[in-house]
Amino acid sequence: MDLRLATIAATVAVRRHARGEAGGFGRRDLREVSVVVGSGGVLRHSPAGDARGVLDAVLSDHGGGWPLPRAAATVVDRECVLAAAGLLAADHPAAAFALLHDHLCGG
């Protein structure tokens, strides 16, 4: 049940992101997205194959009507570094990049 809810939540999140802001810039083209990062307890604590299944479902969702990423890699933020990098990004962008690269991209 948790994985099914995570799949629905992730799909809705990406649809909202791709749809763009109401009254704003319109749809976003996701074809060049190279990495999709999954975050949250369900993904972090699930076996790698189950978490990958959630993210693969998002990458194969045609319900939004926009072009999907052509060749995005998927990664799960198992060490909870995404939030920390977000806090660092404004004042210390190099440190934020290094943190994400080391922990999400394998260094």
N, C-alpha and C. Protein backbone atom coordinates (compact mmCIF):
# COMPACT_ATOMS: atom_id res chain seq x y z
N MET A 1 0.82 -1.20 0.00
CA MET A 1 0.00 0.00 0.00
C MET A 1 0.87 1.26 0.00
N ASP A 2 1.94 1.26 0.81
CA ASP A 2 2.80 2.45 0.87
C ASP A 2 3.43 2.77 -0.48
N LEU A 3 3.90 1.74 -1.17
CA LEU A 3 4.52 1.97 -2.47
C LEU A 3 3.51 2.48 -3.50
N ARG A 4 2.30 1.98 -3.43
CA ARG A 4 1.26 2.46 -4.35
C ARG A 4 0.95 3.93 -4.09
N LEU A 5 0.83 4.30 -2.82
CA LEU A 5 0.60 5.71 -2.48
C LEU A 5 1.78 6.58 -2.91
N ALA A 6 3.00 6.07 -2.73
CA ALA A 6 4.19 6.82 -3.15
C ALA A 6 4.18 7.03 -4.66
N THR A 7 3.76 6.02 -5.41
CA THR A 7 3.70 6.13 -6.87
C THR A 7 2.70 7.20 -7.28
N ILE A 8 1.55 7.20 -6.66
CA ILE A 8 0.53 8.21 -6.97
C ILE A 8 1.03 9.60 -6.60
N ALA A 9 1.61 9.74 -5.41
CA ALA A 9 2.09 11.05 -4.96
C ALA A 9 3.20 11.58 -5.87
N ALA A 10 4.13 10.72 -6.26
CA ALA A 10 5.22 11.15 -7.13
C ALA A 10 4.70 11.53 -8.51
N THR A 11 3.76 10.77 -9.02
CA THR A 11 3.18 11.06 -10.33
C THR A 11 2.45 12.41 -10.31
N VAL A 12 1.67 12.65 -9.27
CA VAL A 12 0.97 13.93 -9.15
C VAL A 12 1.97 15.08 -9.03
N ALA A 13 3.05 14.88 -8.27
CA ALA A 13 4.05 15.92 -8.10
C ALA A 13 4.70 16.29 -9.43
N VAL A 14 5.06 15.29 -10.21
CA VAL A 14 5.70 15.58 -11.50
C VAL A 14 4.70 16.21 -12.46
N ARG A 15 3.47 15.75 -12.45
CA ARG A 15 2.45 16.38 -13.30
C ARG A 15 2.29 17.85 -12.96
N ARG A 16 2.26 18.16 -11.66
CA ARG A 16 2.13 19.57 -11.25
C ARG A 16 3.35 20.37 -11.69
N HIS A 17 4.51 19.80 -11.53
CA HIS A 17 5.74 20.49 -11.93
C HIS A 17 5.74 20.75 -13.43
N ALA A 18 5.40 19.74 -14.20
CA ALA A 18 5.43 19.86 -15.66
C ALA A 18 4.32 20.77 -16.18
N ARG A 19 3.21 20.81 -15.47
CA ARG A 19 2.08 21.63 -15.90
C ARG A 19 2.42 23.11 -15.83
N GLY A 20 3.29 23.49 -14.92
CA GLY A 20 3.64 24.89 -14.74
C GLY A 20 2.68 25.58 -13.80
N GLU A 21 2.93 26.82 -13.56
CA GLU A 21 2.12 27.59 -12.62
C GLU A 21 0.84 28.08 -13.28
N ALA A 22 -0.23 28.10 -12.51
CA ALA A 22 -1.50 28.63 -13.01
C ALA A 22 -1.29 30.10 -13.39
N GLY A 23 -1.67 30.45 -14.59
CA GLY A 23 -1.50 31.82 -15.05
C GLY A 23 -0.06 32.18 -15.33
N GLY A 24 0.82 31.18 -15.27
CA GLY A 24 2.25 31.44 -15.45
C GLY A 24 2.76 31.06 -16.82
N PHE A 25 3.85 30.36 -16.84
CA PHE A 25 4.58 30.10 -18.07
C PHE A 25 4.09 28.89 -18.85
N GLY A 26 3.15 28.16 -18.35
CA GLY A 26 2.64 27.01 -19.09
C GLY A 26 3.48 25.77 -18.87
N ARG A 27 3.31 24.82 -19.73
CA ARG A 27 3.94 23.51 -19.57
C ARG A 27 5.46 23.59 -19.69
N ARG A 28 6.10 22.71 -18.92
CA ARG A 28 7.54 22.60 -18.98
C ARG A 28 7.92 21.39 -19.82
N ASP A 29 8.92 21.55 -20.62
CA ASP A 29 9.42 20.47 -21.46
C ASP A 29 10.40 19.63 -20.63
N LEU A 30 10.05 18.40 -20.36
CA LEU A 30 10.87 17.54 -19.51
C LEU A 30 11.80 16.62 -20.29
N ARG A 31 11.84 16.74 -21.60
CA ARG A 31 12.62 15.79 -22.41
C ARG A 31 14.10 15.76 -22.06
N GLU A 32 14.67 16.88 -21.64
CA GLU A 32 16.10 16.93 -21.36
C GLU A 32 16.45 16.69 -19.89
N VAL A 33 15.48 16.38 -19.06
CA VAL A 33 15.76 16.06 -17.66
C VAL A 33 16.67 14.85 -17.63
N SER A 34 17.77 14.95 -16.89
CA SER A 34 18.74 13.85 -16.89
C SER A 34 18.69 13.00 -15.63
N VAL A 35 18.18 13.56 -14.53
CA VAL A 35 18.12 12.81 -13.27
C VAL A 35 16.80 13.11 -12.57
N VAL A 36 16.14 12.08 -12.09
CA VAL A 36 14.94 12.22 -11.27
C VAL A 36 15.30 11.67 -9.89
N VAL A 37 15.16 12.53 -8.87
CA VAL A 37 15.52 12.15 -7.51
C VAL A 37 14.26 11.89 -6.71
N GLY A 38 14.18 10.72 -6.13
CA GLY A 38 13.08 10.37 -5.24
C GLY A 38 13.51 10.62 -3.80
N SER A 39 12.62 11.19 -3.02
CA SER A 39 12.93 11.51 -1.64
C SER A 39 11.76 11.11 -0.75
N GLY A 40 12.05 10.80 0.47
CA GLY A 40 10.99 10.47 1.42
C GLY A 40 11.16 9.08 2.00
N GLY A 41 10.55 8.88 3.14
CA GLY A 41 10.72 7.66 3.90
C GLY A 41 10.34 6.38 3.18
N VAL A 42 9.25 6.39 2.44
CA VAL A 42 8.82 5.17 1.75
C VAL A 42 9.89 4.73 0.76
N LEU A 43 10.43 5.67 0.01
CA LEU A 43 11.46 5.33 -0.96
C LEU A 43 12.77 4.98 -0.27
N ARG A 44 13.12 5.74 0.74
CA ARG A 44 14.39 5.54 1.44
C ARG A 44 14.45 4.19 2.13
N HIS A 45 13.33 3.72 2.64
CA HIS A 45 13.32 2.47 3.41
C HIS A 45 12.88 1.26 2.61
N SER A 46 12.54 1.44 1.36
CA SER A 46 12.13 0.32 0.51
C SER A 46 13.35 -0.30 -0.16
N PRO A 47 13.24 -1.56 -0.53
CA PRO A 47 14.32 -2.16 -1.33
C PRO A 47 14.52 -1.35 -2.61
N ALA A 48 15.75 -1.34 -3.12
CA ALA A 48 16.09 -0.53 -4.29
C ALA A 48 15.16 -0.79 -5.47
N GLY A 49 14.82 -2.02 -5.72
CA GLY A 49 13.95 -2.35 -6.85
C GLY A 49 12.57 -1.77 -6.70
N ASP A 50 12.03 -1.78 -5.48
CA ASP A 50 10.70 -1.21 -5.25
C ASP A 50 10.71 0.30 -5.43
N ALA A 51 11.74 0.96 -4.89
CA ALA A 51 11.86 2.41 -5.04
C ALA A 51 12.04 2.77 -6.51
N ARG A 52 12.84 2.01 -7.23
CA ARG A 52 13.03 2.25 -8.66
C ARG A 52 11.72 2.09 -9.41
N GLY A 53 10.89 1.15 -9.00
CA GLY A 53 9.59 0.96 -9.63
C GLY A 53 8.70 2.18 -9.50
N VAL A 54 8.75 2.83 -8.35
CA VAL A 54 7.96 4.06 -8.14
C VAL A 54 8.43 5.13 -9.12
N LEU A 55 9.74 5.32 -9.22
CA LEU A 55 10.26 6.37 -10.10
C LEU A 55 10.09 6.01 -11.57
N ASP A 56 10.21 4.73 -11.90
CA ASP A 56 9.98 4.31 -13.29
C ASP A 56 8.53 4.56 -13.70
N ALA A 57 7.60 4.40 -12.77
CA ALA A 57 6.19 4.68 -13.07
C ALA A 57 6.00 6.15 -13.41
N VAL A 58 6.70 7.01 -12.71
CA VAL A 58 6.62 8.44 -12.99
C VAL A 58 7.16 8.73 -14.39
N LEU A 59 8.26 8.09 -14.75
CA LEU A 59 8.90 8.34 -16.04
C LEU A 59 8.14 7.73 -17.21
N SER A 60 7.17 6.91 -16.92
CA SER A 60 6.38 6.32 -18.01
C SER A 60 4.94 6.81 -18.01
N ASP A 61 4.66 7.86 -17.23
CA ASP A 61 3.31 8.41 -17.12
C ASP A 61 3.01 9.34 -18.29
N HIS A 62 2.13 8.92 -19.17
CA HIS A 62 1.75 9.74 -20.32
C HIS A 62 0.48 10.55 -20.07
N GLY A 63 -0.08 10.46 -18.87
CA GLY A 63 -1.34 11.12 -18.57
C GLY A 63 -1.28 12.63 -18.53
N GLY A 64 -0.08 13.18 -18.37
CA GLY A 64 0.03 14.63 -18.29
C GLY A 64 0.00 15.34 -19.62
N GLY A 65 0.29 14.62 -20.70
CA GLY A 65 0.23 15.22 -22.02
C GLY A 65 1.46 16.00 -22.43
N TRP A 66 2.57 15.91 -21.72
CA TRP A 66 3.79 16.60 -22.09
C TRP A 66 4.85 15.56 -22.43
N PRO A 67 5.91 15.98 -23.12
CA PRO A 67 6.98 15.03 -23.44
C PRO A 67 7.72 14.59 -22.17
N LEU A 68 7.89 13.30 -22.03
CA LEU A 68 8.59 12.73 -20.88
C LEU A 68 10.10 12.82 -21.08
N PRO A 69 10.86 12.73 -19.99
CA PRO A 69 12.32 12.68 -20.14
C PRO A 69 12.72 11.53 -21.07
N ARG A 70 13.70 11.80 -21.92
CA ARG A 70 14.14 10.79 -22.90
C ARG A 70 15.00 9.71 -22.26
N ALA A 71 15.87 10.11 -21.34
CA ALA A 71 16.82 9.14 -20.80
C ALA A 71 17.24 9.53 -19.38
N ALA A 72 16.28 9.76 -18.52
CA ALA A 72 16.60 10.20 -17.16
C ALA A 72 17.03 9.02 -16.29
N ALA A 73 18.08 9.24 -15.53
CA ALA A 73 18.48 8.27 -14.51
C ALA A 73 17.62 8.52 -13.28
N THR A 74 17.42 7.50 -12.48
CA THR A 74 16.67 7.66 -11.23
C THR A 74 17.59 7.35 -10.07
N VAL A 75 17.40 8.10 -9.00
CA VAL A 75 18.19 7.90 -7.79
C VAL A 75 17.30 8.23 -6.60
N VAL A 76 17.51 7.53 -5.51
CA VAL A 76 16.76 7.77 -4.28
C VAL A 76 17.68 8.44 -3.27
N ASP A 77 17.21 9.50 -2.66
CA ASP A 77 17.95 10.23 -1.64
C ASP A 77 17.86 9.45 -0.32
N ARG A 78 18.65 8.40 -0.20
CA ARG A 78 18.60 7.52 0.98
C ARG A 78 19.25 8.15 2.20
N GLU A 79 20.07 9.18 2.02
CA GLU A 79 20.77 9.80 3.15
C GLU A 79 20.20 11.17 3.51
N CYS A 80 19.08 11.54 2.93
CA CYS A 80 18.40 12.81 3.24
C CYS A 80 19.28 14.04 3.01
N VAL A 81 19.97 14.09 1.89
CA VAL A 81 20.84 15.23 1.61
C VAL A 81 20.18 16.30 0.75
N LEU A 82 19.06 15.98 0.14
CA LEU A 82 18.41 16.93 -0.76
C LEU A 82 18.00 18.21 -0.02
N ALA A 83 17.40 18.06 1.13
CA ALA A 83 16.98 19.24 1.90
C ALA A 83 18.18 20.06 2.35
N ALA A 84 19.22 19.39 2.80
CA ALA A 84 20.42 20.11 3.24
C ALA A 84 21.05 20.88 2.09
N ALA A 85 21.10 20.27 0.92
CA ALA A 85 21.66 20.95 -0.25
C ALA A 85 20.81 22.16 -0.62
N GLY A 86 19.52 22.05 -0.48
CA GLY A 86 18.64 23.18 -0.75
C GLY A 86 18.91 24.35 0.18
N LEU A 87 19.18 24.04 1.43
CA LEU A 87 19.49 25.10 2.40
C LEU A 87 20.85 25.75 2.11
N LEU A 88 21.78 24.95 1.62
CA LEU A 88 23.12 25.47 1.31
C LEU A 88 23.18 26.25 0.00
N ALA A 89 22.31 25.95 -0.92
CA ALA A 89 22.44 26.40 -2.31
C ALA A 89 22.59 27.91 -2.49
N ALA A 90 21.83 28.70 -1.79
CA ALA A 90 21.87 30.16 -2.01
C ALA A 90 23.22 30.76 -1.62
N ASP A 91 23.75 30.38 -0.47
CA ASP A 91 24.99 30.98 0.03
C ASP A 91 26.24 30.17 -0.30
N HIS A 92 26.08 28.88 -0.54
CA HIS A 92 27.23 27.99 -0.76
C HIS A 92 26.92 27.01 -1.90
N PRO A 93 26.74 27.52 -3.11
CA PRO A 93 26.34 26.64 -4.22
C PRO A 93 27.33 25.52 -4.51
N ALA A 94 28.62 25.78 -4.37
CA ALA A 94 29.61 24.72 -4.65
C ALA A 94 29.50 23.60 -3.63
N ALA A 95 29.26 23.95 -2.37
CA ALA A 95 29.10 22.93 -1.34
C ALA A 95 27.83 22.12 -1.57
N ALA A 96 26.76 22.80 -1.97
CA ALA A 96 25.50 22.10 -2.25
C ALA A 96 25.68 21.13 -3.41
N PHE A 97 26.35 21.58 -4.47
CA PHE A 97 26.60 20.71 -5.61
C PHE A 97 27.44 19.50 -5.21
N ALA A 98 28.50 19.75 -4.45
CA ALA A 98 29.37 18.65 -4.02
C ALA A 98 28.61 17.64 -3.16
N LEU A 99 27.77 18.12 -2.28
CA LEU A 99 26.98 17.23 -1.42
C LEU A 99 26.07 16.35 -2.27
N LEU A 100 25.36 16.95 -3.19
CA LEU A 100 24.47 16.17 -4.06
C LEU A 100 25.24 15.21 -4.95
N HIS A 101 26.32 15.71 -5.53
CA HIS A 101 27.12 14.86 -6.42
C HIS A 101 27.68 13.66 -5.67
N ASP A 102 28.24 13.90 -4.48
CA ASP A 102 28.84 12.81 -3.71
C ASP A 102 27.83 11.78 -3.25
N HIS A 103 26.66 12.25 -2.81
CA HIS A 103 25.69 11.33 -2.20
C HIS A 103 24.67 10.77 -3.17
N LEU A 104 24.36 11.48 -4.24
CA LEU A 104 23.34 11.00 -5.16
C LEU A 104 23.92 10.44 -6.45
N CYS A 105 25.08 10.91 -6.84
CA CYS A 105 25.66 10.49 -8.12
C CYS A 105 26.87 9.57 -7.94
N GLY A 106 27.12 9.18 -6.71
CA GLY A 106 28.22 8.26 -6.47
C GLY A 106 29.60 8.89 -6.49
N GLY A 107 29.66 10.20 -6.30
CA GLY A 107 30.94 10.88 -6.21
C GLY A 107 31.54 11.10 -7.52
